[in-house]
Amino acid sequence: MTGFLALCRFVARQNDAVNGAGASRADSLAAVFGLTFLAILAVGIAAIGD
């Protein structure tokens, strides 16, 4: 999970460097959606095991 966050931060820094400061707001929103999806998936997989 921390690797995913590190990747998102790296992409955001690169995006800001290329497209100007503040360009990564959409990327951070995508990261939130991605983490939410991964959390829901993990809960679903854990529920299957019960």
C-alpha atoms as a PDB file:
ATOM      1  CA  MET A   1       0.000   0.000   0.000  1.00  0.00           C
ATOM      2  CA  THR A   2       2.817   2.413   0.808  1.00  0.00           C
ATOM      3  CA  GLY A   3       4.409   1.534  -2.518  1.00  0.00           C
ATOM      4  CA  PHE A   4       1.215   2.599  -4.279  1.00  0.00           C
ATOM      5  CA  LEU A   5       1.214   5.904  -2.382  1.00  0.00           C
ATOM      6  CA  ALA A   6       4.873   6.467  -3.247  1.00  0.00           C
ATOM      7  CA  LEU A   7       4.099   5.818  -6.903  1.00  0.00           C
ATOM      8  CA  CYS A   8       1.204   8.297  -6.787  1.00  0.00           C
ATOM      9  CA  ARG A   9       3.451  10.952  -5.212  1.00  0.00           C
ATOM     10  CA  PHE A  10       6.136  10.351  -7.840  1.00  0.00           C
ATOM     11  CA  VAL A  11       3.621  10.693 -10.670  1.00  0.00           C
ATOM     12  CA  ALA A  12       2.199  13.851  -9.078  1.00  0.00           C
ATOM     13  CA  ARG A  13       5.667  15.441  -8.821  1.00  0.00           C
ATOM     14  CA  GLN A  14       6.404  14.611 -12.451  1.00  0.00           C
ATOM     15  CA  ASN A  15       3.025  15.960 -13.530  1.00  0.00           C
ATOM     16  CA  ASP A  16       3.606  19.207 -11.648  1.00  0.00           C
ATOM     17  CA  ALA A  17       7.072  19.555 -13.180  1.00  0.00           C
ATOM     18  CA  VAL A  18       5.739  19.133 -16.716  1.00  0.00           C
ATOM     19  CA  ASN A  19       2.345  20.856 -16.524  1.00  0.00           C
ATOM     20  CA  GLY A  20       2.913  23.476 -13.801  1.00  0.00           C
ATOM     21  CA  ALA A  21       2.160  23.638 -10.111  1.00  0.00           C
ATOM     22  CA  GLY A  22      -1.284  22.433  -9.072  1.00  0.00           C
ATOM     23  CA  ALA A  23      -1.755  20.142 -12.056  1.00  0.00           C
ATOM     24  CA  SER A  24      -1.804  17.059  -9.838  1.00  0.00           C
ATOM     25  CA  ARG A  25      -5.089  17.707  -8.074  1.00  0.00           C
ATOM     26  CA  ALA A  26      -6.836  15.329 -10.440  1.00  0.00           C
ATOM     27  CA  ASP A  27      -4.098  12.761  -9.850  1.00  0.00           C
ATOM     28  CA  SER A  28      -4.552  12.943  -6.092  1.00  0.00           C
ATOM     29  CA  LEU A  29      -8.278  12.449  -6.544  1.00  0.00           C
ATOM     30  CA  ALA A  30      -7.525   9.391  -8.688  1.00  0.00           C
ATOM     31  CA  ALA A  31      -5.241   8.090  -5.930  1.00  0.00           C
ATOM     32  CA  VAL A  32      -8.052   8.427  -3.395  1.00  0.00           C
ATOM     33  CA  PHE A  33     -10.394   6.495  -5.675  1.00  0.00           C
ATOM     34  CA  GLY A  34      -7.721   3.856  -6.265  1.00  0.00           C
ATOM     35  CA  LEU A  35      -7.046   3.380  -2.553  1.00  0.00           C
ATOM     36  CA  THR A  36     -10.775   3.187  -1.846  1.00  0.00           C
ATOM     37  CA  PHE A  37     -11.179   0.518  -4.515  1.00  0.00           C
ATOM     38  CA  LEU A  38      -8.265  -1.474  -3.099  1.00  0.00           C
ATOM     39  CA  ALA A  39      -9.735  -1.269   0.409  1.00  0.00           C
ATOM     40  CA  ILE A  40     -13.145  -2.484  -0.799  1.00  0.00           C
ATOM     41  CA  LEU A  41     -11.465  -5.288  -2.723  1.00  0.00           C
ATOM     42  CA  ALA A  42      -9.499  -6.346   0.361  1.00  0.00           C
ATOM     43  CA  VAL A  43     -12.656  -6.427   2.478  1.00  0.00           C
ATOM     44  CA  GLY A  44     -14.412  -8.467  -0.199  1.00  0.00           C
ATOM     45  CA  ILE A  45     -11.581 -10.992  -0.365  1.00  0.00           C
ATOM     46  CA  ALA A  46     -11.547 -11.246   3.433  1.00  0.00           C
ATOM     47  CA  ALA A  47     -15.305 -11.848   3.443  1.00  0.00           C
ATOM     48  CA  ILE A  48     -14.928 -14.715   0.991  1.00  0.00           C
ATOM     49  CA  GLY A  49     -12.573 -16.462   3.409  1.00  0.00           C
ATOM     50  CA  ASP A  50     -15.182 -16.485   6.202  1.00  0.00           C
END
